[in-house]
N, C-alpha and C. Protein backbone atom coordinates (compact mmCIF):
# COMPACT_ATOMS: atom_id res chain seq x y z
N MET A 1 -8.23 -21.28 85.90
CA MET A 1 -9.18 -22.75 86.62
C MET A 1 -8.99 -23.41 84.70
N ASN A 2 -8.95 -24.48 85.19
CA ASN A 2 -9.58 -25.44 83.64
C ASN A 2 -10.68 -25.34 83.81
N GLU A 3 -11.09 -26.84 82.37
CA GLU A 3 -13.01 -26.35 83.00
C GLU A 3 -13.72 -27.09 84.00
N THR A 4 -12.75 -27.33 84.52
CA THR A 4 -14.06 -28.33 85.91
C THR A 4 -13.78 -27.20 87.23
N GLY A 5 -13.22 -25.80 86.60
CA GLY A 5 -13.42 -24.53 87.80
C GLY A 5 -12.18 -24.68 88.95
N ARG A 6 -11.61 -26.23 88.58
CA ARG A 6 -10.26 -26.31 89.67
C ARG A 6 -8.54 -25.51 89.43
N LEU A 7 -8.21 -25.45 89.88
CA LEU A 7 -6.93 -25.37 89.85
C LEU A 7 -5.50 -26.34 90.13
N SER A 8 -4.64 -25.91 89.56
CA SER A 8 -3.86 -27.70 89.90
C SER A 8 -3.02 -26.83 91.62
N ILE A 9 -2.40 -27.37 92.09
CA ILE A 9 -1.39 -27.19 93.07
C ILE A 9 -0.38 -25.81 92.49
N ALA A 10 0.15 -26.02 91.36
CA ALA A 10 0.60 -25.29 90.73
C ALA A 10 0.12 -24.20 90.97
N ASN A 11 -0.62 -24.17 90.37
CA ASN A 11 -1.22 -22.46 89.90
C ASN A 11 -2.15 -22.30 90.93
N LYS A 12 -2.46 -22.89 91.91
CA LYS A 12 -2.90 -22.36 93.32
C LYS A 12 -2.07 -21.51 94.00
N LYS A 13 -0.78 -21.86 94.26
CA LYS A 13 0.56 -20.86 94.80
C LYS A 13 0.52 -19.83 93.84
N LEU A 14 0.43 -19.38 92.51
CA LEU A 14 0.87 -18.25 92.02
C LEU A 14 -0.38 -17.25 92.21
N LEU A 15 -1.64 -17.71 92.89
CA LEU A 15 -2.41 -17.35 93.22
C LEU A 15 -2.00 -15.71 94.12
N SER A 16 -2.61 -14.55 94.37
CA SER A 16 -2.40 -13.24 95.18
C SER A 16 -3.41 -13.38 95.73
N ALA A 17 -3.42 -12.88 96.94
CA ALA A 17 -4.37 -13.10 98.34
C ALA A 17 -5.53 -12.74 97.46
N ALA A 18 -5.93 -12.10 97.16
CA ALA A 18 -7.18 -11.64 96.50
C ALA A 18 -8.12 -12.82 96.07
N GLU A 19 -6.95 -13.34 94.90
CA GLU A 19 -7.73 -14.54 94.31
C GLU A 19 -7.29 -15.68 95.19
N LYS A 20 -7.09 -16.04 96.06
CA LYS A 20 -6.76 -16.61 96.39
C LYS A 20 -8.11 -16.61 97.25
N LYS A 21 -9.05 -15.56 98.36
CA LYS A 21 -9.78 -15.61 98.59
C LYS A 21 -11.50 -15.60 98.15
N THR A 22 -10.81 -15.05 96.66
CA THR A 22 -12.65 -15.39 95.91
C THR A 22 -12.33 -16.60 94.74
N TYR A 23 -10.82 -17.23 94.93
CA TYR A 23 -11.22 -18.48 94.89
C TYR A 23 -11.79 -19.36 95.92
N MET A 24 -11.95 -19.68 97.24
CA MET A 24 -12.36 -20.41 97.81
C MET A 24 -13.41 -20.01 97.87
N ARG A 25 -13.46 -18.60 98.30
CA ARG A 25 -15.47 -18.64 98.07
C ARG A 25 -16.22 -18.86 97.23
N HIS A 26 -15.51 -19.02 95.68
CA HIS A 26 -16.78 -19.10 95.22
C HIS A 26 -16.46 -20.83 95.35
N HIS A 27 -15.87 -21.32 95.76
CA HIS A 27 -16.02 -22.85 96.12
C HIS A 27 -16.66 -23.18 97.61
N LYS A 28 -16.82 -22.63 97.96
CA LYS A 28 -17.76 -22.37 99.47
C LYS A 28 -19.01 -21.89 99.74
N VAL A 29 -19.63 -21.39 98.04
CA VAL A 29 -20.96 -21.22 97.68
C VAL A 29 -21.02 -22.23 96.97
N LYS A 30 -20.28 -23.41 95.56
CA LYS A 30 -20.46 -24.14 95.24
C LYS A 30 -20.91 -25.11 96.01
N ASP A 31 -20.28 -25.49 97.33
CA ASP A 31 -20.50 -26.70 98.16
C ASP A 31 -21.65 -26.35 98.85
N ILE A 32 -22.06 -25.11 99.58
CA ILE A 32 -23.56 -25.04 100.13
C ILE A 32 -24.49 -25.13 99.44
N ILE A 33 -24.52 -25.00 98.05
CA ILE A 33 -25.40 -25.26 97.04
C ILE A 33 -26.42 -26.58 96.63
N VAL A 34 -24.94 -27.39 96.57
CA VAL A 34 -24.82 -29.05 96.26
C VAL A 34 -25.91 -29.27 97.44
N VAL A 35 -24.91 -28.88 98.54
CA VAL A 35 -25.45 -29.59 99.56
C VAL A 35 -27.19 -29.82 100.34
N ALA A 36 -27.34 -28.22 99.61
CA ALA A 36 -28.70 -27.68 99.70
C ALA A 36 -29.40 -28.38 98.93
N ILE A 37 -29.36 -29.15 97.89
CA ILE A 37 -30.03 -29.70 96.60
C ILE A 37 -30.71 -31.02 97.46
N LYS A 38 -32.06 -31.31 96.41
CA LYS A 38 -32.33 -32.46 96.26
C LYS A 38 -31.48 -33.73 95.20
N HIS A 39 -31.39 -34.65 95.25
CA HIS A 39 -30.36 -35.51 94.51
C HIS A 39 -30.55 -34.97 93.01
N GLU A 40 -31.97 -35.76 92.19
CA GLU A 40 -32.34 -35.12 91.72
C GLU A 40 -32.11 -33.45 90.72
N GLU A 41 -31.78 -32.74 91.60
CA GLU A 41 -31.50 -31.62 91.10
C GLU A 41 -29.99 -31.30 90.69
N TYR A 42 -29.36 -32.15 91.95
CA TYR A 42 -27.83 -31.90 91.94
C TYR A 42 -27.44 -33.10 90.49
N VAL A 43 -28.19 -33.54 90.27
CA VAL A 43 -28.28 -34.40 88.59
C VAL A 43 -28.04 -33.36 87.56
N ARG A 44 -29.17 -32.98 87.92
CA ARG A 44 -29.24 -32.20 86.80
C ARG A 44 -28.13 -30.84 86.80
N ILE A 45 -27.41 -30.59 87.52
CA ILE A 45 -26.49 -29.05 87.33
C ILE A 45 -25.11 -30.33 87.35
N GLY A 46 -25.20 -31.15 87.38
CA GLY A 46 -23.71 -31.86 87.97
C GLY A 46 -22.81 -30.98 86.70
N ASP A 47 -23.50 -30.45 85.43
CA ASP A 47 -22.31 -30.03 83.98
C ASP A 47 -22.38 -29.35 84.68
N LYS A 48 -22.43 -27.75 85.50
CA LYS A 48 -22.42 -26.50 85.68
C LYS A 48 -20.97 -26.57 86.14
N THR A 49 -20.15 -26.02 86.42
CA THR A 49 -18.45 -25.50 86.65
C THR A 49 -18.31 -24.02 87.38
N THR A 50 -19.46 -23.10 87.83
CA THR A 50 -19.69 -22.22 88.53
C THR A 50 -20.47 -22.05 89.23
N ALA A 51 -20.60 -21.35 89.99
CA ALA A 51 -21.51 -21.17 91.51
C ALA A 51 -22.75 -20.55 90.81
N LYS A 52 -22.12 -19.33 89.88
CA LYS A 52 -23.57 -18.84 89.54
C LYS A 52 -23.96 -19.40 88.45
N ALA A 53 -23.48 -20.20 87.64
CA ALA A 53 -24.15 -21.43 86.57
C ALA A 53 -25.22 -21.62 87.48
N ILE A 54 -24.87 -22.89 88.35
CA ILE A 54 -25.76 -23.39 89.51
C ILE A 54 -26.89 -22.85 89.24
N TYR A 55 -26.81 -21.58 90.39
CA TYR A 55 -27.90 -20.77 91.12
C TYR A 55 -28.85 -20.48 89.44
N ASP A 56 -27.89 -20.09 88.45
CA ASP A 56 -28.89 -20.39 87.41
C ASP A 56 -29.90 -21.29 87.19
N SER A 57 -28.85 -21.83 86.57
CA SER A 57 -29.84 -23.13 86.37
C SER A 57 -30.50 -23.19 87.40
N LEU A 58 -30.85 -23.52 88.68
CA LEU A 58 -32.29 -23.69 89.73
C LEU A 58 -32.75 -22.43 89.92
N CYS A 59 -32.63 -21.71 89.14
CA CYS A 59 -33.94 -20.69 89.49
C CYS A 59 -34.95 -20.98 88.06
């Protein structure tokens, strides 16, 4: 992953099935958290790149 937490298309193709599942789960959790919070909280966590970092900053 790069500094934004995303993979390039070429790098995604190199992932194993387990790595793809982990990658997709990470982004699903991150999307759920972002949708569930207010805009003010979103602005506060905008620089976080992982779902865990977002969760930790909200607690």
